[in-house]
């Protein structure tokens, strides 16, 4: 049995940055460092950071006044930022810069009086943060969430000529295109972003798993169940008429999945570390697979800078004044 590896796979620049922010904060200030929601959606990563002293919370009320909090890569609403400032929390912002781009688009449309349609998955932290960038106006303008073309058909918009759309950054490219087409058919004047909101890493990994699935009998996607981009990779492999499974690691693989399989493909979501891919490969080889072969793919060189206030704290070795925000 051959093992083929998707390329690229695994960590993106936004995830690398978010994890490094937590690690550097722990190095600089020591435990505990509070993190609002999982900094990235991967069980292995979250547990490793928890073991180092990170404390993951759902609400700011769980953090003592004057404490230090890190916002996850998925971003937060303006209301959360304001609450953190009132509580005089020191904030290090791990929001992915590509998510911040979408936040700025929503805020710009809000200031212009445009209504906004957000294409995304209800309940996802990124969607909640993006929805929270819009300040509903006195004239009734607002932001609306859609997930499918059917949702578009049911939209009630105040002024269709003053309408824009944005998207969650981790969606399926093909599924999103269908929703955008439905929006453009129903609202011909709708404005879109100058550059796609779905991030480069999402697109690259989706293209890579498409190529991978075309050459395999079975695809294993390393990623946690709550990872949006990992779930999309599994769905894309299945659209190539291939059996696909989402796994956290080798312990999730059932040997019966490999019955009759000559080529197994392995990829990883943007929040899954390469160490887990290595563990999966070793398990497959223990069951008789050949050494893994990596496919050709898009080379990624994107690197995002750490927040300025964290860099300043690291340089000085001193705790910042409470109430500072990593966006400043």
C-alpha atoms as a PDB file:
ATOM      1  CA  UNK A   1       0.000   0.000   0.000  1.00  0.00           C
ATOM      2  CA  UNK A   2       1.306   3.443  -0.964  1.00  0.00           C
ATOM      3  CA  UNK A   3       0.952   6.588   1.140  1.00  0.00           C
ATOM      4  CA  UNK A   4       0.543   9.876  -0.748  1.00  0.00           C
ATOM      5  CA  UNK A   5       0.809  13.185   1.115  1.00  0.00           C
ATOM      6  CA  UNK A   6      -1.052  16.328   0.085  1.00  0.00           C
ATOM      7  CA  UNK A   7       1.037  19.448  -0.413  1.00  0.00           C
ATOM      8  CA  UNK A   8       0.477  21.900   1.161  1.00  0.00           C
ATOM      9  CA  UNK A   9      -1.151  20.596   4.325  1.00  0.00           C
ATOM     10  CA  UNK A  10      -1.295  21.452   8.002  1.00  0.00           C
ATOM     11  CA  UNK A  11      -0.481  24.716   9.735  1.00  0.00           C
ATOM     12  CA  UNK A  12      -1.084  27.998   7.937  1.00  0.00           C
ATOM     13  CA  UNK A  13       0.555  31.322   8.800  1.00  0.00           C
ATOM     14  CA  UNK A  14      -2.397  32.448  10.923  1.00  0.00           C
ATOM     15  CA  UNK A  15      -2.327  29.292  13.034  1.00  0.00           C
ATOM     16  CA  UNK A  16       1.465  29.448  13.416  1.00  0.00           C
ATOM     17  CA  UNK A  17       1.113  33.030  14.641  1.00  0.00           C
ATOM     18  CA  UNK A  18      -1.723  32.270  17.071  1.00  0.00           C
ATOM     19  CA  UNK A  19       0.133  29.394  18.713  1.00  0.00           C
ATOM     20  CA  UNK A  20       3.339  31.419  18.938  1.00  0.00           C
ATOM     21  CA  UNK A  21       1.453  34.257  20.634  1.00  0.00           C
ATOM     22  CA  UNK A  22       0.283  31.912  23.401  1.00  0.00           C
ATOM     23  CA  UNK A  23       3.733  30.336  23.759  1.00  0.00           C
ATOM     24  CA  UNK A  24       5.538  33.699  23.873  1.00  0.00           C
ATOM     25  CA  UNK A  25       3.037  35.088  26.388  1.00  0.00           C
ATOM     26  CA  UNK A  26       3.616  32.071  28.634  1.00  0.00           C
ATOM     27  CA  UNK A  27       7.389  32.484  28.268  1.00  0.00           C
ATOM     28  CA  UNK A  28       7.207  36.196  29.109  1.00  0.00           C
ATOM     29  CA  UNK A  29       4.610  36.322  31.884  1.00  0.00           C
ATOM     30  CA  UNK A  30       4.319  32.737  33.091  1.00  0.00           C
ATOM     31  CA  UNK A  31       1.097  30.864  33.824  1.00  0.00           C
ATOM     32  CA  UNK A  32      -1.771  31.377  33.880  1.00  0.00           C
ATOM     33  CA  UNK A  33      -2.438  32.995  30.520  1.00  0.00           C
ATOM     34  CA  UNK A  34      -6.138  33.060  29.658  1.00  0.00           C
ATOM     35  CA  UNK A  35      -7.293  32.319  26.113  1.00  0.00           C
ATOM     36  CA  UNK A  36     -10.830  33.126  25.004  1.00  0.00           C
ATOM     37  CA  UNK A  37     -12.061  30.016  23.186  1.00  0.00           C
ATOM     38  CA  UNK A  38      -9.679  27.478  21.677  1.00  0.00           C
ATOM     39  CA  UNK A  39      -6.867  29.474  20.100  1.00  0.00           C
ATOM     40  CA  UNK A  40      -7.097  27.104  17.109  1.00  0.00           C
ATOM     41  CA  UNK A  41      -9.455  24.180  16.580  1.00  0.00           C
ATOM     42  CA  UNK A  42      -7.188  21.237  17.310  1.00  0.00           C
ATOM     43  CA  UNK A  43      -7.356  19.051  20.419  1.00  0.00           C
ATOM     44  CA  UNK A  44      -3.646  18.179  20.420  1.00  0.00           C
ATOM     45  CA  UNK A  45      -2.544  21.816  20.175  1.00  0.00           C
ATOM     46  CA  UNK A  46      -4.994  22.998  22.836  1.00  0.00           C
ATOM     47  CA  UNK A  47      -3.958  20.271  25.271  1.00  0.00           C
ATOM     48  CA  UNK A  48      -0.258  20.998  24.750  1.00  0.00           C
ATOM     49  CA  UNK A  49      -0.826  24.683  25.532  1.00  0.00           C
ATOM     50  CA  UNK A  50      -3.043  23.794  28.493  1.00  0.00           C
ATOM     51  CA  UNK A  51      -0.218  21.647  29.852  1.00  0.00           C
ATOM     52  CA  UNK A  52       2.052  24.700  29.687  1.00  0.00           C
ATOM     53  CA  UNK A  53      -0.360  26.836  31.693  1.00  0.00           C
ATOM     54  CA  UNK A  54      -2.839  28.285  29.204  1.00  0.00           C
ATOM     55  CA  UNK A  55      -6.385  28.465  30.585  1.00  0.00           C
ATOM     56  CA  UNK A  56      -9.101  28.294  27.928  1.00  0.00           C
ATOM     57  CA  UNK A  57     -12.327  30.113  28.803  1.00  0.00           C
ATOM     58  CA  UNK A  58     -15.609  30.750  27.020  1.00  0.00           C
ATOM     59  CA  UNK A  59     -16.355  34.135  28.584  1.00  0.00           C
ATOM     60  CA  UNK A  60     -14.300  37.082  29.818  1.00  0.00           C
ATOM     61  CA  UNK A  61     -16.177  36.865  33.130  1.00  0.00           C
ATOM     62  CA  UNK A  62     -14.050  33.796  33.902  1.00  0.00           C
ATOM     63  CA  UNK A  63     -10.899  35.949  33.911  1.00  0.00           C
ATOM     64  CA  UNK A  64      -9.893  37.966  37.005  1.00  0.00           C
ATOM     65  CA  UNK A  65      -9.842  41.767  36.651  1.00  0.00           C
ATOM     66  CA  UNK A  66      -6.494  42.973  35.341  1.00  0.00           C
ATOM     67  CA  UNK A  67      -5.633  39.543  33.936  1.00  0.00           C
ATOM     68  CA  UNK A  68      -4.059  38.702  30.596  1.00  0.00           C
ATOM     69  CA  UNK A  69      -6.180  37.289  27.782  1.00  0.00           C
ATOM     70  CA  UNK A  70      -5.458  36.142  24.253  1.00  0.00           C
ATOM     71  CA  UNK A  71      -8.176  36.326  21.627  1.00  0.00           C
ATOM     72  CA  UNK A  72      -8.255  33.238  19.402  1.00  0.00           C
ATOM     73  CA  UNK A  73      -7.309  33.133  15.719  1.00  0.00           C
ATOM     74  CA  UNK A  74     -11.021  33.224  14.840  1.00  0.00           C
ATOM     75  CA  UNK A  75     -11.485  36.799  16.081  1.00  0.00           C
ATOM     76  CA  UNK A  76     -13.972  38.441  18.449  1.00  0.00           C
ATOM     77  CA  UNK A  77     -16.776  40.979  18.279  1.00  0.00           C
ATOM     78  CA  UNK A  78     -16.389  44.666  19.089  1.00  0.00           C
ATOM     79  CA  UNK A  79     -18.504  44.036  22.183  1.00  0.00           C
ATOM     80  CA  UNK A  80     -15.926  41.562  23.508  1.00  0.00           C
ATOM     81  CA  UNK A  81     -13.106  44.062  22.923  1.00  0.00           C
ATOM     82  CA  UNK A  82     -15.010  46.772  24.763  1.00  0.00           C
ATOM     83  CA  UNK A  83     -15.738  44.470  27.683  1.00  0.00           C
ATOM     84  CA  UNK A  84     -12.047  43.537  27.916  1.00  0.00           C
ATOM     85  CA  UNK A  85     -11.129  47.230  28.035  1.00  0.00           C
ATOM     86  CA  UNK A  86     -13.668  47.913  30.799  1.00  0.00           C
ATOM     87  CA  UNK A  87     -12.246  44.996  32.788  1.00  0.00           C
ATOM     88  CA  UNK A  88      -8.730  46.398  32.261  1.00  0.00           C
ATOM     89  CA  UNK A  89      -7.534  43.143  30.800  1.00  0.00           C
ATOM     90  CA  UNK A  90      -4.228  43.031  28.968  1.00  0.00           C
ATOM     91  CA  UNK A  91      -5.120  41.739  25.502  1.00  0.00           C
ATOM     92  CA  UNK A  92      -2.885  39.975  23.014  1.00  0.00           C
ATOM     93  CA  UNK A  93      -4.823  39.598  19.800  1.00  0.00           C
ATOM     94  CA  UNK A  94      -4.212  36.331  17.926  1.00  0.00           C
ATOM     95  CA  UNK A  95      -6.943  37.036  15.360  1.00  0.00           C
ATOM     96  CA  UNK A  96      -5.680  35.881  11.966  1.00  0.00           C
ATOM     97  CA  UNK A  97      -4.842  38.972   9.880  1.00  0.00           C
ATOM     98  CA  UNK A  98      -6.978  37.560   7.062  1.00  0.00           C
ATOM     99  CA  UNK A  99      -9.955  37.419   9.432  1.00  0.00           C
ATOM    100  CA  UNK A 100      -9.163  40.986  10.485  1.00  0.00           C
ATOM    101  CA  UNK A 101      -9.375  41.929   6.789  1.00  0.00           C
ATOM    102  CA  UNK A 102     -12.989  40.703   6.749  1.00  0.00           C
ATOM    103  CA  UNK A 103     -13.722  42.573   9.998  1.00  0.00           C
ATOM    104  CA  UNK A 104     -12.470  45.804   8.446  1.00  0.00           C
ATOM    105  CA  UNK A 105     -14.633  45.243   5.366  1.00  0.00           C
ATOM    106  CA  UNK A 106     -17.741  44.837   7.538  1.00  0.00           C
ATOM    107  CA  UNK A 107     -16.902  47.949   9.568  1.00  0.00           C
ATOM    108  CA  UNK A 108     -16.358  49.967   6.376  1.00  0.00           C
ATOM    109  CA  UNK A 109     -19.713  48.914   4.935  1.00  0.00           C
ATOM    110  CA  UNK A 110     -21.388  49.691   8.249  1.00  0.00           C
ATOM    111  CA  UNK A 111     -19.977  53.230   8.248  1.00  0.00           C
ATOM    112  CA  UNK A 112     -21.184  53.678   4.658  1.00  0.00           C
ATOM    113  CA  UNK A 113     -24.698  52.591   5.601  1.00  0.00           C
ATOM    114  CA  UNK A 114     -24.570  49.409   3.523  1.00  0.00           C
ATOM    115  CA  UNK A 115     -26.221  46.233   4.717  1.00  0.00           C
ATOM    116  CA  UNK A 116     -23.957  43.171   4.714  1.00  0.00           C
ATOM    117  CA  UNK A 117     -24.531  39.504   3.940  1.00  0.00           C
ATOM    118  CA  UNK A 118     -22.043  37.156   5.616  1.00  0.00           C
ATOM    119  CA  UNK A 119     -21.631  33.729   4.026  1.00  0.00           C
ATOM    120  CA  UNK A 120     -20.637  31.335   6.793  1.00  0.00           C
ATOM    121  CA  UNK A 121     -21.558  28.601   9.253  1.00  0.00           C
ATOM    122  CA  UNK A 122     -23.875  29.539  12.104  1.00  0.00           C
ATOM    123  CA  UNK A 123     -22.262  29.120  15.518  1.00  0.00           C
ATOM    124  CA  UNK A 124     -18.656  29.175  14.293  1.00  0.00           C
ATOM    125  CA  UNK A 125     -16.502  31.545  16.397  1.00  0.00           C
ATOM    126  CA  UNK A 126     -15.233  33.344  13.294  1.00  0.00           C
ATOM    127  CA  UNK A 127     -18.793  34.043  12.181  1.00  0.00           C
ATOM    128  CA  UNK A 128     -19.760  35.329  15.624  1.00  0.00           C
ATOM    129  CA  UNK A 129     -16.771  37.675  15.631  1.00  0.00           C
ATOM    130  CA  UNK A 130     -17.467  38.956  12.122  1.00  0.00           C
ATOM    131  CA  UNK A 131     -21.176  39.505  12.793  1.00  0.00           C
ATOM    132  CA  UNK A 132     -20.120  41.518  15.834  1.00  0.00           C
ATOM    133  CA  UNK A 133     -18.244  44.083  13.728  1.00  0.00           C
ATOM    134  CA  UNK A 134     -21.526  45.570  12.479  1.00  0.00           C
ATOM    135  CA  UNK A 135     -23.250  48.261  14.508  1.00  0.00           C
ATOM    136  CA  UNK A 136     -26.953  48.189  13.632  1.00  0.00           C
ATOM    137  CA  UNK A 137     -28.052  51.667  12.585  1.00  0.00           C
ATOM    138  CA  UNK A 138     -31.138  53.654  13.491  1.00  0.00           C
ATOM    139  CA  UNK A 139     -32.546  53.207   9.981  1.00  0.00           C
ATOM    140  CA  UNK A 140     -32.621  49.422  10.365  1.00  0.00           C
ATOM    141  CA  UNK A 141     -29.544  48.460   8.336  1.00  0.00           C
ATOM    142  CA  UNK A 142     -27.911  45.264   9.526  1.00  0.00           C
ATOM    143  CA  UNK A 143     -25.841  42.157   8.802  1.00  0.00           C
ATOM    144  CA  UNK A 144     -27.353  38.831   7.735  1.00  0.00           C
ATOM    145  CA  UNK A 145     -25.940  35.307   7.802  1.00  0.00           C
ATOM    146  CA  UNK A 146     -26.503  32.847   4.951  1.00  0.00           C
ATOM    147  CA  UNK A 147     -25.045  29.397   4.376  1.00  0.00           C
ATOM    148  CA  UNK A 148     -26.812  28.057   1.267  1.00  0.00           C
ATOM    149  CA  UNK A 149     -28.513  29.357  -1.903  1.00  0.00           C
ATOM    150  CA  UNK A 150     -31.843  28.548  -0.229  1.00  0.00           C
ATOM    151  CA  UNK A 151     -30.977  30.991   2.551  1.00  0.00           C
ATOM    152  CA  UNK A 152     -30.458  33.687  -0.087  1.00  0.00           C
ATOM    153  CA  UNK A 153     -33.976  33.135  -1.422  1.00  0.00           C
ATOM    154  CA  UNK A 154     -35.411  33.935   2.013  1.00  0.00           C
ATOM    155  CA  UNK A 155     -33.392  37.106   2.647  1.00  0.00           C
ATOM    156  CA  UNK A 156     -35.282  40.325   3.316  1.00  0.00           C
ATOM    157  CA  UNK A 157     -33.043  43.312   2.604  1.00  0.00           C
ATOM    158  CA  UNK A 158     -33.914  46.931   3.395  1.00  0.00           C
ATOM    159  CA  UNK A 159     -32.160  48.455   0.359  1.00  0.00           C
ATOM    160  CA  UNK A 160     -30.846  46.002  -2.275  1.00  0.00           C
ATOM    161  CA  UNK A 161     -28.873  48.765  -4.010  1.00  0.00           C
ATOM    162  CA  UNK A 162     -26.770  49.362  -0.869  1.00  0.00           C
ATOM    163  CA  UNK A 163     -25.716  45.796  -0.157  1.00  0.00           C
ATOM    164  CA  UNK A 164     -22.380  43.983   0.175  1.00  0.00           C
ATOM    165  CA  UNK A 165     -21.221  40.468   0.990  1.00  0.00           C
ATOM    166  CA  UNK A 166     -18.258  38.983   2.844  1.00  0.00           C
ATOM    167  CA  UNK A 167     -17.391  35.378   3.659  1.00  0.00           C
ATOM    168  CA  UNK A 168     -15.962  33.240   6.414  1.00  0.00           C
ATOM    169  CA  UNK A 169     -12.325  32.515   5.547  1.00  0.00           C
ATOM    170  CA  UNK A 170     -12.455  28.699   5.839  1.00  0.00           C
ATOM    171  CA  UNK A 171     -15.362  27.752   3.570  1.00  0.00           C
ATOM    172  CA  UNK A 172     -15.488  25.409   0.597  1.00  0.00           C
ATOM    173  CA  UNK A 173     -14.550  27.401  -2.513  1.00  0.00           C
ATOM    174  CA  UNK A 174     -17.150  25.626  -4.672  1.00  0.00           C
ATOM    175  CA  UNK A 175     -19.993  25.851  -2.150  1.00  0.00           C
ATOM    176  CA  UNK A 176     -19.280  29.524  -1.544  1.00  0.00           C
ATOM    177  CA  UNK A 177     -19.250  30.253  -5.272  1.00  0.00           C
ATOM    178  CA  UNK A 178     -22.781  28.855  -5.551  1.00  0.00           C
ATOM    179  CA  UNK A 179     -24.011  31.085  -2.732  1.00  0.00           C
ATOM    180  CA  UNK A 180     -22.343  34.134  -4.305  1.00  0.00           C
ATOM    181  CA  UNK A 181     -23.997  33.323  -7.650  1.00  0.00           C
ATOM    182  CA  UNK A 182     -27.378  33.159  -5.893  1.00  0.00           C
ATOM    183  CA  UNK A 183     -26.731  36.522  -4.234  1.00  0.00           C
ATOM    184  CA  UNK A 184     -25.714  38.141  -7.515  1.00  0.00           C
ATOM    185  CA  UNK A 185     -28.783  36.788  -9.310  1.00  0.00           C
ATOM    186  CA  UNK A 186     -31.155  38.100  -6.656  1.00  0.00           C
ATOM    187  CA  UNK A 187     -29.281  41.328  -5.889  1.00  0.00           C
ATOM    188  CA  UNK A 188     -27.496  42.471  -9.089  1.00  0.00           C
ATOM    189  CA  UNK A 189     -26.034  45.548  -7.355  1.00  0.00           C
ATOM    190  CA  UNK A 190     -24.432  43.627  -4.484  1.00  0.00           C
ATOM    191  CA  UNK A 191     -20.792  44.497  -3.845  1.00  0.00           C
ATOM    192  CA  UNK A 192     -18.118  41.904  -3.090  1.00  0.00           C
ATOM    193  CA  UNK A 193     -14.637  42.184  -1.593  1.00  0.00           C
ATOM    194  CA  UNK A 194     -11.856  43.365  -3.903  1.00  0.00           C
ATOM    195  CA  UNK A 195      -9.991  40.172  -3.031  1.00  0.00           C
ATOM    196  CA  UNK A 196     -11.621  36.872  -2.029  1.00  0.00           C
ATOM    197  CA  UNK A 197     -12.186  36.513   1.709  1.00  0.00           C
ATOM    198  CA  UNK A 198     -11.504  32.760   1.650  1.00  0.00           C
ATOM    199  CA  UNK A 199      -7.854  32.674   2.630  1.00  0.00           C
ATOM    200  CA  UNK A 200      -4.916  31.507   0.539  1.00  0.00           C
ATOM    201  CA  UNK A 201      -4.241  28.548   2.839  1.00  0.00           C
ATOM    202  CA  UNK A 202      -7.827  27.323   2.660  1.00  0.00           C
ATOM    203  CA  UNK A 203      -7.751  27.487  -1.136  1.00  0.00           C
ATOM    204  CA  UNK A 204      -4.332  25.820  -1.388  1.00  0.00           C
ATOM    205  CA  UNK A 205      -5.331  22.932   0.893  1.00  0.00           C
ATOM    206  CA  UNK A 206      -8.595  22.410  -0.948  1.00  0.00           C
ATOM    207  CA  UNK A 207      -6.799  22.335  -4.304  1.00  0.00           C
ATOM    208  CA  UNK A 208      -4.225  19.937  -2.847  1.00  0.00           C
ATOM    209  CA  UNK A 209      -6.798  17.486  -1.464  1.00  0.00           C
ATOM    210  CA  UNK A 210      -8.588  17.494  -4.827  1.00  0.00           C
ATOM    211  CA  UNK A 211      -5.361  16.445  -6.558  1.00  0.00           C
ATOM    212  CA  UNK A 212      -4.663  13.919  -3.806  1.00  0.00           C
ATOM    213  CA  UNK A 213      -8.095  12.288  -3.914  1.00  0.00           C
ATOM    214  CA  UNK A 214      -7.861  11.815  -7.669  1.00  0.00           C
ATOM    215  CA  UNK A 215      -4.846   9.559  -7.110  1.00  0.00           C
ATOM    216  CA  UNK A 216      -6.043   7.600  -4.052  1.00  0.00           C
ATOM    217  CA  UNK A 217      -8.602   5.028  -2.986  1.00  0.00           C
ATOM    218  CA  UNK A 218      -8.984   6.494   0.508  1.00  0.00           C
ATOM    219  CA  UNK A 219      -8.217   9.876   2.096  1.00  0.00           C
ATOM    220  CA  UNK A 220      -7.404  10.502   5.767  1.00  0.00           C
ATOM    221  CA  UNK A 221      -7.791  14.117   6.899  1.00  0.00           C
ATOM    222  CA  UNK A 222      -5.950  14.920  10.119  1.00  0.00           C
ATOM    223  CA  UNK A 223      -8.005  17.465  12.031  1.00  0.00           C
ATOM    224  CA  UNK A 224     -10.406  17.869  14.923  1.00  0.00           C
ATOM    225  CA  UNK A 225     -14.193  17.603  14.462  1.00  0.00           C
ATOM    226  CA  UNK A 226     -14.722  21.293  15.318  1.00  0.00           C
ATOM    227  CA  UNK A 227     -12.255  22.463  12.648  1.00  0.00           C
ATOM    228  CA  UNK A 228     -14.201  24.053   9.793  1.00  0.00           C
ATOM    229  CA  UNK A 229     -11.394  23.871   7.254  1.00  0.00           C
ATOM    230  CA  UNK A 230     -10.639  20.212   8.105  1.00  0.00           C
ATOM    231  CA  UNK A 231     -14.279  19.263   7.575  1.00  0.00           C
ATOM    232  CA  UNK A 232     -14.240  21.004   4.201  1.00  0.00           C
ATOM    233  CA  UNK A 233     -11.204  18.924   3.154  1.00  0.00           C
ATOM    234  CA  UNK A 234     -13.071  15.722   3.978  1.00  0.00           C
ATOM    235  CA  UNK A 235     -16.109  16.892   2.003  1.00  0.00           C
ATOM    236  CA  UNK A 236     -13.983  17.806  -1.016  1.00  0.00           C
ATOM    237  CA  UNK A 237     -12.344  14.370  -1.036  1.00  0.00           C
ATOM    238  CA  UNK A 238     -15.797  12.785  -0.899  1.00  0.00           C
ATOM    239  CA  UNK A 239     -16.896  14.891  -3.874  1.00  0.00           C
ATOM    240  CA  UNK A 240     -14.133  13.135  -5.825  1.00  0.00           C
ATOM    241  CA  UNK A 241     -16.008   9.883  -5.113  1.00  0.00           C
ATOM    242  CA  UNK A 242     -13.435   8.780  -2.552  1.00  0.00           C
ATOM    243  CA  UNK A 243     -13.992   7.432   0.938  1.00  0.00           C
ATOM    244  CA  UNK A 244     -12.651   9.989   3.413  1.00  0.00           C
ATOM    245  CA  UNK A 245     -12.313  10.117   7.190  1.00  0.00           C
ATOM    246  CA  UNK A 246     -11.583  12.967   9.606  1.00  0.00           C
ATOM    247  CA  UNK A 247      -9.199  11.819  12.335  1.00  0.00           C
ATOM    248  CA  UNK A 248      -7.449  13.470  15.276  1.00  0.00           C
ATOM    249  CA  UNK A 249      -4.584  10.993  15.040  1.00  0.00           C
ATOM    250  CA  UNK A 250      -3.612   7.369  14.375  1.00  0.00           C
ATOM    251  CA  UNK A 251      -5.716   6.117  17.280  1.00  0.00           C
ATOM    252  CA  UNK A 252      -8.840   6.973  15.258  1.00  0.00           C
ATOM    253  CA  UNK A 253      -7.926   4.825  12.243  1.00  0.00           C
ATOM    254  CA  UNK A 254      -9.761   1.539  11.871  1.00  0.00           C
ATOM    255  CA  UNK A 255      -7.687  -1.052  10.102  1.00  0.00           C
ATOM    256  CA  UNK A 256     -10.777  -2.273   8.248  1.00  0.00           C
ATOM    257  CA  UNK A 257     -10.828   1.054   6.371  1.00  0.00           C
ATOM    258  CA  UNK A 258      -7.697  -0.095   4.547  1.00  0.00           C
ATOM    259  CA  UNK A 259      -9.115  -3.378   3.238  1.00  0.00           C
ATOM    260  CA  UNK A 260      -8.508  -3.450  -0.508  1.00  0.00           C
ATOM    261  CA  UNK A 261      -6.865  -0.005  -0.498  1.00  0.00           C
ATOM    262  CA  UNK A 262      -3.795   0.318  -2.724  1.00  0.00           C
ATOM    263  CA  UNK A 263      -3.209   4.050  -2.258  1.00  0.00           C
ATOM    264  CA  UNK A 264      -4.101   6.014   0.853  1.00  0.00           C
ATOM    265  CA  UNK A 265      -3.901   9.798   0.826  1.00  0.00           C
ATOM    266  CA  UNK A 266      -3.096  11.837   3.921  1.00  0.00           C
ATOM    267  CA  UNK A 267      -3.654  15.547   4.428  1.00  0.00           C
ATOM    268  CA  UNK A 268      -4.161  17.846   7.411  1.00  0.00           C
ATOM    269  CA  UNK A 269      -6.310  20.851   8.175  1.00  0.00           C
ATOM    270  CA  UNK A 270      -4.745  24.259   8.748  1.00  0.00           C
ATOM    271  CA  UNK A 271      -4.887  23.806  12.532  1.00  0.00           C
ATOM    272  CA  UNK A 272      -3.356  20.303  12.637  1.00  0.00           C
ATOM    273  CA  UNK A 273       0.384  20.008  13.416  1.00  0.00           C
ATOM    274  CA  UNK A 274       2.745  17.970  11.257  1.00  0.00           C
ATOM    275  CA  UNK A 275       3.649  15.755  14.216  1.00  0.00           C
ATOM    276  CA  UNK A 276       0.177  14.206  13.964  1.00  0.00           C
ATOM    277  CA  UNK A 277       0.670  13.520  10.265  1.00  0.00           C
ATOM    278  CA  UNK A 278       3.937  11.801  11.132  1.00  0.00           C
ATOM    279  CA  UNK A 279       2.172   9.658  13.717  1.00  0.00           C
ATOM    280  CA  UNK A 280      -0.428   8.625  11.134  1.00  0.00           C
ATOM    281  CA  UNK A 281       2.278   7.700   8.640  1.00  0.00           C
ATOM    282  CA  UNK A 282       4.095   5.577  11.208  1.00  0.00           C
ATOM    283  CA  UNK A 283       0.886   3.722  12.043  1.00  0.00           C
ATOM    284  CA  UNK A 284       0.177   3.012   8.374  1.00  0.00           C
ATOM    285  CA  UNK A 285       3.735   1.792   7.878  1.00  0.00           C
ATOM    286  CA  UNK A 286       3.412  -0.466  10.922  1.00  0.00           C
ATOM    287  CA  UNK A 287       0.515  -2.056   9.047  1.00  0.00           C
ATOM    288  CA  UNK A 288       2.698  -2.634   5.996  1.00  0.00           C
ATOM    289  CA  UNK A 289       2.517   0.582   3.977  1.00  0.00           C
ATOM    290  CA  UNK A 290       5.452   1.807   1.876  1.00  0.00           C
ATOM    291  CA  UNK A 291       7.344   5.026   2.739  1.00  0.00           C
ATOM    292  CA  UNK A 292       5.229   8.138   2.176  1.00  0.00           C
ATOM    293  CA  UNK A 293       5.484  10.101  -1.063  1.00  0.00           C
ATOM    294  CA  UNK A 294       4.689  13.830  -1.073  1.00  0.00           C
ATOM    295  CA  UNK A 295       2.912  15.271  -4.089  1.00  0.00           C
ATOM    296  CA  UNK A 296       3.975  18.510  -5.756  1.00  0.00           C
ATOM    297  CA  UNK A 297       2.069  21.572  -4.600  1.00  0.00           C
ATOM    298  CA  UNK A 298       1.893  25.297  -3.975  1.00  0.00           C
ATOM    299  CA  UNK A 299       4.807  26.681  -1.950  1.00  0.00           C
ATOM    300  CA  UNK A 300       3.691  28.916   0.913  1.00  0.00           C
ATOM    301  CA  UNK A 301       5.929  31.684   2.249  1.00  0.00           C
ATOM    302  CA  UNK A 302       3.439  33.865   4.146  1.00  0.00           C
ATOM    303  CA  UNK A 303       4.498  34.914   7.661  1.00  0.00           C
ATOM    304  CA  UNK A 304       2.452  37.180   9.941  1.00  0.00           C
ATOM    305  CA  UNK A 305       4.069  39.439  12.546  1.00  0.00           C
ATOM    306  CA  UNK A 306       3.308  39.077  16.242  1.00  0.00           C
ATOM    307  CA  UNK A 307       1.234  41.817  17.960  1.00  0.00           C
ATOM    308  CA  UNK A 308       3.257  44.943  18.674  1.00  0.00           C
ATOM    309  CA  UNK A 309       2.361  45.002  22.359  1.00  0.00           C
ATOM    310  CA  UNK A 310       3.574  41.419  22.800  1.00  0.00           C
ATOM    311  CA  UNK A 311       6.845  42.170  21.002  1.00  0.00           C
ATOM    312  CA  UNK A 312       7.308  45.204  23.252  1.00  0.00           C
ATOM    313  CA  UNK A 313       6.704  43.124  26.375  1.00  0.00           C
ATOM    314  CA  UNK A 314       9.124  40.449  25.192  1.00  0.00           C
ATOM    315  CA  UNK A 315      11.821  43.059  24.527  1.00  0.00           C
ATOM    316  CA  UNK A 316      11.402  44.818  27.871  1.00  0.00           C
ATOM    317  CA  UNK A 317      10.681  41.758  29.974  1.00  0.00           C
ATOM    318  CA  UNK A 318       8.062  43.788  31.812  1.00  0.00           C
ATOM    319  CA  UNK A 319       4.319  43.291  32.151  1.00  0.00           C
ATOM    320  CA  UNK A 320       2.273  45.819  30.176  1.00  0.00           C
ATOM    321  CA  UNK A 321      -0.217  48.154  31.785  1.00  0.00           C
ATOM    322  CA  UNK A 322      -3.640  46.543  32.067  1.00  0.00           C
ATOM    323  CA  UNK A 323      -6.153  47.443  29.386  1.00  0.00           C
ATOM    324  CA  UNK A 324      -3.753  47.345  26.436  1.00  0.00           C
ATOM    325  CA  UNK A 325      -4.887  45.768  23.198  1.00  0.00           C
ATOM    326  CA  UNK A 326      -2.721  43.947  20.670  1.00  0.00           C
ATOM    327  CA  UNK A 327      -4.355  45.827  17.790  1.00  0.00           C
ATOM    328  CA  UNK A 328      -2.766  49.090  18.841  1.00  0.00           C
END
